[in-house]
Amino acid sequence: MPDFAAFAPSDASPRRATNVTLPEPLLREARSLGINLSQACERGLAVAVAERRRARWLEENRDAMDAWNKHVGEQGLPLAVYRQF
């Protein structure tokens, strides 16, 4: 589960009303189940933001990770002689 603690609601966080378009059957069922739409949308958006940040970080750092993996593949782990397993 992505970490979206940075988006956790707090009294100090400014809030802004916005319009969201949702499929009518989903909206009806959510309301019948007593789901708070604002909270559900916020959680879903926070997860989407965290996933996109993760994907962006992986893409931005792909060259460094590939270089490190190549180095380890050729040279082994730097402290492998001290491993006890």
N, C-alpha and C. Protein backbone atom coordinates (compact mmCIF):
# COMPACT_ATOMS: atom_id res chain seq x y z
N MET A 1 0.85 -1.18 0.00
CA MET A 1 0.00 0.00 0.00
C MET A 1 0.89 1.24 0.00
N PRO A 2 0.67 2.13 -0.93
CA PRO A 2 1.48 3.35 -0.97
C PRO A 2 1.32 4.19 0.29
N ASP A 3 2.39 4.87 0.61
CA ASP A 3 2.36 5.75 1.77
C ASP A 3 1.84 7.12 1.33
N PHE A 4 0.70 7.52 1.84
CA PHE A 4 0.18 8.84 1.49
C PHE A 4 -0.04 9.68 2.73
N ALA A 5 0.83 9.48 3.73
CA ALA A 5 0.73 10.24 4.97
C ALA A 5 0.89 11.74 4.72
N ALA A 6 1.60 12.09 3.66
CA ALA A 6 1.80 13.51 3.36
C ALA A 6 0.48 14.19 3.02
N PHE A 7 -0.53 13.40 2.68
CA PHE A 7 -1.82 13.95 2.30
C PHE A 7 -2.87 13.76 3.38
N ALA A 8 -2.44 13.32 4.54
CA ALA A 8 -3.40 13.10 5.63
C ALA A 8 -4.04 14.43 6.01
N PRO A 9 -5.35 14.41 6.20
CA PRO A 9 -6.02 15.66 6.55
C PRO A 9 -5.56 16.20 7.90
N SER A 10 -5.46 17.49 7.99
CA SER A 10 -5.15 18.12 9.28
C SER A 10 -5.89 19.45 9.32
N ASP A 11 -6.03 19.97 10.51
CA ASP A 11 -6.74 21.24 10.66
C ASP A 11 -6.00 22.37 9.95
N ALA A 12 -4.68 22.24 9.81
CA ALA A 12 -3.89 23.29 9.20
C ALA A 12 -3.92 23.21 7.67
N SER A 13 -4.37 22.08 7.12
CA SER A 13 -4.40 21.94 5.66
C SER A 13 -5.55 22.75 5.07
N PRO A 14 -5.23 23.61 4.12
CA PRO A 14 -6.32 24.32 3.47
C PRO A 14 -7.12 23.34 2.61
N ARG A 15 -8.41 23.49 2.60
CA ARG A 15 -9.29 22.62 1.83
C ARG A 15 -9.90 23.45 0.70
N ARG A 16 -10.19 22.79 -0.38
CA ARG A 16 -10.78 23.49 -1.51
C ARG A 16 -11.88 22.63 -2.12
N ALA A 17 -13.03 23.20 -2.29
CA ALA A 17 -14.14 22.48 -2.90
C ALA A 17 -13.85 22.30 -4.39
N THR A 18 -14.25 21.16 -4.90
CA THR A 18 -14.06 20.87 -6.31
C THR A 18 -15.21 20.00 -6.81
N ASN A 19 -15.41 19.98 -8.10
CA ASN A 19 -16.43 19.13 -8.68
C ASN A 19 -15.79 17.85 -9.19
N VAL A 20 -16.44 16.74 -8.96
CA VAL A 20 -15.97 15.45 -9.42
C VAL A 20 -17.13 14.77 -10.14
N THR A 21 -16.86 14.25 -11.30
CA THR A 21 -17.89 13.53 -12.05
C THR A 21 -17.70 12.04 -11.83
N LEU A 22 -18.75 11.38 -11.35
CA LEU A 22 -18.71 9.96 -11.04
C LEU A 22 -19.86 9.24 -11.73
N PRO A 23 -19.68 7.96 -12.02
CA PRO A 23 -20.78 7.19 -12.60
C PRO A 23 -21.96 7.13 -11.63
N GLU A 24 -23.14 7.37 -12.12
CA GLU A 24 -24.34 7.43 -11.28
C GLU A 24 -24.55 6.17 -10.44
N PRO A 25 -24.43 4.95 -11.00
CA PRO A 25 -24.64 3.75 -10.17
C PRO A 25 -23.65 3.65 -9.00
N LEU A 26 -22.40 4.04 -9.27
CA LEU A 26 -21.39 4.00 -8.21
C LEU A 26 -21.72 5.02 -7.13
N LEU A 27 -22.10 6.20 -7.53
CA LEU A 27 -22.46 7.25 -6.59
C LEU A 27 -23.66 6.84 -5.73
N ARG A 28 -24.68 6.26 -6.36
CA ARG A 28 -25.87 5.80 -5.63
C ARG A 28 -25.50 4.75 -4.59
N GLU A 29 -24.68 3.78 -5.01
CA GLU A 29 -24.31 2.72 -4.07
C GLU A 29 -23.47 3.26 -2.93
N ALA A 30 -22.54 4.13 -3.23
CA ALA A 30 -21.69 4.72 -2.19
C ALA A 30 -22.55 5.45 -1.16
N ARG A 31 -23.50 6.22 -1.64
CA ARG A 31 -24.37 6.96 -0.72
C ARG A 31 -25.22 6.00 0.10
N SER A 32 -25.72 4.92 -0.53
CA SER A 32 -26.55 3.97 0.21
C SER A 32 -25.75 3.23 1.28
N LEU A 33 -24.45 3.14 1.08
CA LEU A 33 -23.58 2.49 2.06
C LEU A 33 -23.02 3.46 3.10
N GLY A 34 -23.35 4.73 2.96
CA GLY A 34 -22.91 5.72 3.93
C GLY A 34 -21.45 6.11 3.78
N ILE A 35 -20.92 5.98 2.59
CA ILE A 35 -19.51 6.33 2.36
C ILE A 35 -19.39 7.84 2.21
N ASN A 36 -18.41 8.40 2.92
CA ASN A 36 -18.13 9.83 2.81
C ASN A 36 -17.37 10.04 1.49
N LEU A 37 -18.02 10.68 0.54
CA LEU A 37 -17.44 10.83 -0.80
C LEU A 37 -16.15 11.65 -0.79
N SER A 38 -16.11 12.70 -0.02
CA SER A 38 -14.90 13.53 0.03
C SER A 38 -13.72 12.73 0.55
N GLN A 39 -13.92 11.98 1.63
CA GLN A 39 -12.83 11.19 2.19
C GLN A 39 -12.40 10.08 1.23
N ALA A 40 -13.37 9.42 0.59
CA ALA A 40 -13.04 8.34 -0.34
C ALA A 40 -12.27 8.88 -1.54
N CYS A 41 -12.71 10.02 -2.07
CA CYS A 41 -12.01 10.63 -3.20
C CYS A 41 -10.60 11.06 -2.80
N GLU A 42 -10.48 11.62 -1.61
CA GLU A 42 -9.17 12.07 -1.14
C GLU A 42 -8.21 10.90 -0.99
N ARG A 43 -8.69 9.80 -0.40
CA ARG A 43 -7.83 8.62 -0.26
C ARG A 43 -7.42 8.08 -1.63
N GLY A 44 -8.38 7.98 -2.53
CA GLY A 44 -8.06 7.47 -3.87
C GLY A 44 -7.08 8.37 -4.61
N LEU A 45 -7.26 9.67 -4.50
CA LEU A 45 -6.36 10.61 -5.16
C LEU A 45 -4.96 10.54 -4.53
N ALA A 46 -4.90 10.40 -3.22
CA ALA A 46 -3.60 10.30 -2.54
C ALA A 46 -2.85 9.05 -3.00
N VAL A 47 -3.56 7.95 -3.17
CA VAL A 47 -2.93 6.72 -3.66
C VAL A 47 -2.44 6.92 -5.09
N ALA A 48 -3.24 7.54 -5.94
CA ALA A 48 -2.85 7.78 -7.33
C ALA A 48 -1.61 8.68 -7.40
N VAL A 49 -1.56 9.71 -6.55
CA VAL A 49 -0.41 10.61 -6.52
C VAL A 49 0.84 9.84 -6.07
N ALA A 50 0.71 9.03 -5.03
CA ALA A 50 1.86 8.26 -4.53
C ALA A 50 2.37 7.28 -5.60
N GLU A 51 1.46 6.64 -6.30
CA GLU A 51 1.86 5.71 -7.35
C GLU A 51 2.58 6.44 -8.49
N ARG A 52 2.06 7.60 -8.87
CA ARG A 52 2.70 8.37 -9.95
C ARG A 52 4.06 8.87 -9.52
N ARG A 53 4.19 9.32 -8.26
CA ARG A 53 5.50 9.75 -7.75
C ARG A 53 6.50 8.61 -7.79
N ARG A 54 6.05 7.42 -7.38
CA ARG A 54 6.92 6.25 -7.38
C ARG A 54 7.38 5.93 -8.80
N ALA A 55 6.45 5.91 -9.75
CA ALA A 55 6.79 5.61 -11.13
C ALA A 55 7.76 6.65 -11.70
N ARG A 56 7.53 7.91 -11.38
CA ARG A 56 8.42 8.97 -11.85
C ARG A 56 9.81 8.81 -11.26
N TRP A 57 9.89 8.51 -9.95
CA TRP A 57 11.19 8.33 -9.31
C TRP A 57 11.94 7.16 -9.95
N LEU A 58 11.24 6.06 -10.18
CA LEU A 58 11.89 4.90 -10.80
C LEU A 58 12.43 5.25 -12.18
N GLU A 59 11.64 5.98 -12.97
CA GLU A 59 12.08 6.37 -14.30
C GLU A 59 13.27 7.32 -14.23
N GLU A 60 13.23 8.30 -13.34
CA GLU A 60 14.31 9.27 -13.21
C GLU A 60 15.61 8.64 -12.73
N ASN A 61 15.50 7.54 -12.00
CA ASN A 61 16.68 6.91 -11.42
C ASN A 61 17.05 5.59 -12.08
N ARG A 62 16.40 5.28 -13.19
CA ARG A 62 16.64 4.00 -13.87
C ARG A 62 18.11 3.83 -14.28
N ASP A 63 18.73 4.86 -14.81
CA ASP A 63 20.13 4.75 -15.24
C ASP A 63 21.04 4.41 -14.07
N ALA A 64 20.84 5.07 -12.93
CA ALA A 64 21.67 4.81 -11.75
C ALA A 64 21.46 3.39 -11.24
N MET A 65 20.21 2.93 -11.23
CA MET A 65 19.94 1.57 -10.76
C MET A 65 20.53 0.54 -11.71
N ASP A 66 20.42 0.80 -13.02
CA ASP A 66 21.00 -0.13 -14.00
C ASP A 66 22.51 -0.18 -13.86
N ALA A 67 23.14 0.98 -13.66
CA ALA A 67 24.59 1.02 -13.49
C ALA A 67 25.01 0.27 -12.23
N TRP A 68 24.28 0.46 -11.14
CA TRP A 68 24.61 -0.25 -9.90
C TRP A 68 24.43 -1.75 -10.07
N ASN A 69 23.34 -2.16 -10.69
CA ASN A 69 23.11 -3.60 -10.91
C ASN A 69 24.20 -4.20 -11.78
N LYS A 70 24.65 -3.46 -12.80
CA LYS A 70 25.74 -3.93 -13.65
C LYS A 70 27.02 -4.07 -12.84
N HIS A 71 27.31 -3.08 -12.03
CA HIS A 71 28.51 -3.11 -11.19
C HIS A 71 28.48 -4.32 -10.25
N VAL A 72 27.37 -4.53 -9.58
CA VAL A 72 27.25 -5.66 -8.65
C VAL A 72 27.36 -6.97 -9.42
N GLY A 73 26.77 -7.03 -10.61
CA GLY A 73 26.87 -8.24 -11.41
C GLY A 73 28.29 -8.57 -11.81
N GLU A 74 29.08 -7.54 -12.07
CA GLU A 74 30.47 -7.74 -12.50
C GLU A 74 31.43 -7.87 -11.31
N GLN A 75 31.23 -7.08 -10.28
CA GLN A 75 32.17 -7.01 -9.16
C GLN A 75 31.69 -7.71 -7.90
N GLY A 76 30.43 -8.00 -7.83
CA GLY A 76 29.85 -8.56 -6.61
C GLY A 76 29.49 -7.45 -5.63
N LEU A 77 28.91 -7.84 -4.52
CA LEU A 77 28.54 -6.86 -3.50
C LEU A 77 29.78 -6.31 -2.82
N PRO A 78 29.81 -5.01 -2.51
CA PRO A 78 31.01 -4.39 -1.93
C PRO A 78 31.49 -5.05 -0.63
N LEU A 79 30.61 -5.48 0.22
CA LEU A 79 31.02 -6.06 1.52
C LEU A 79 30.69 -7.54 1.60
N ALA A 80 30.67 -8.21 0.46
CA ALA A 80 30.28 -9.62 0.42
C ALA A 80 31.18 -10.50 1.28
N VAL A 81 32.43 -10.12 1.43
CA VAL A 81 33.35 -10.96 2.23
C VAL A 81 32.94 -11.02 3.70
N TYR A 82 32.15 -10.08 4.14
CA TYR A 82 31.71 -10.04 5.55
C TYR A 82 30.36 -10.69 5.77
N ARG A 83 29.73 -11.16 4.71
CA ARG A 83 28.42 -11.80 4.86
C ARG A 83 28.56 -13.12 5.58
N GLN A 84 27.62 -13.41 6.44
CA GLN A 84 27.67 -14.66 7.19
C GLN A 84 26.56 -15.62 6.76
N PHE A 85 25.97 -15.38 5.62
CA PHE A 85 24.94 -16.29 5.11
C PHE A 85 25.18 -16.57 3.65
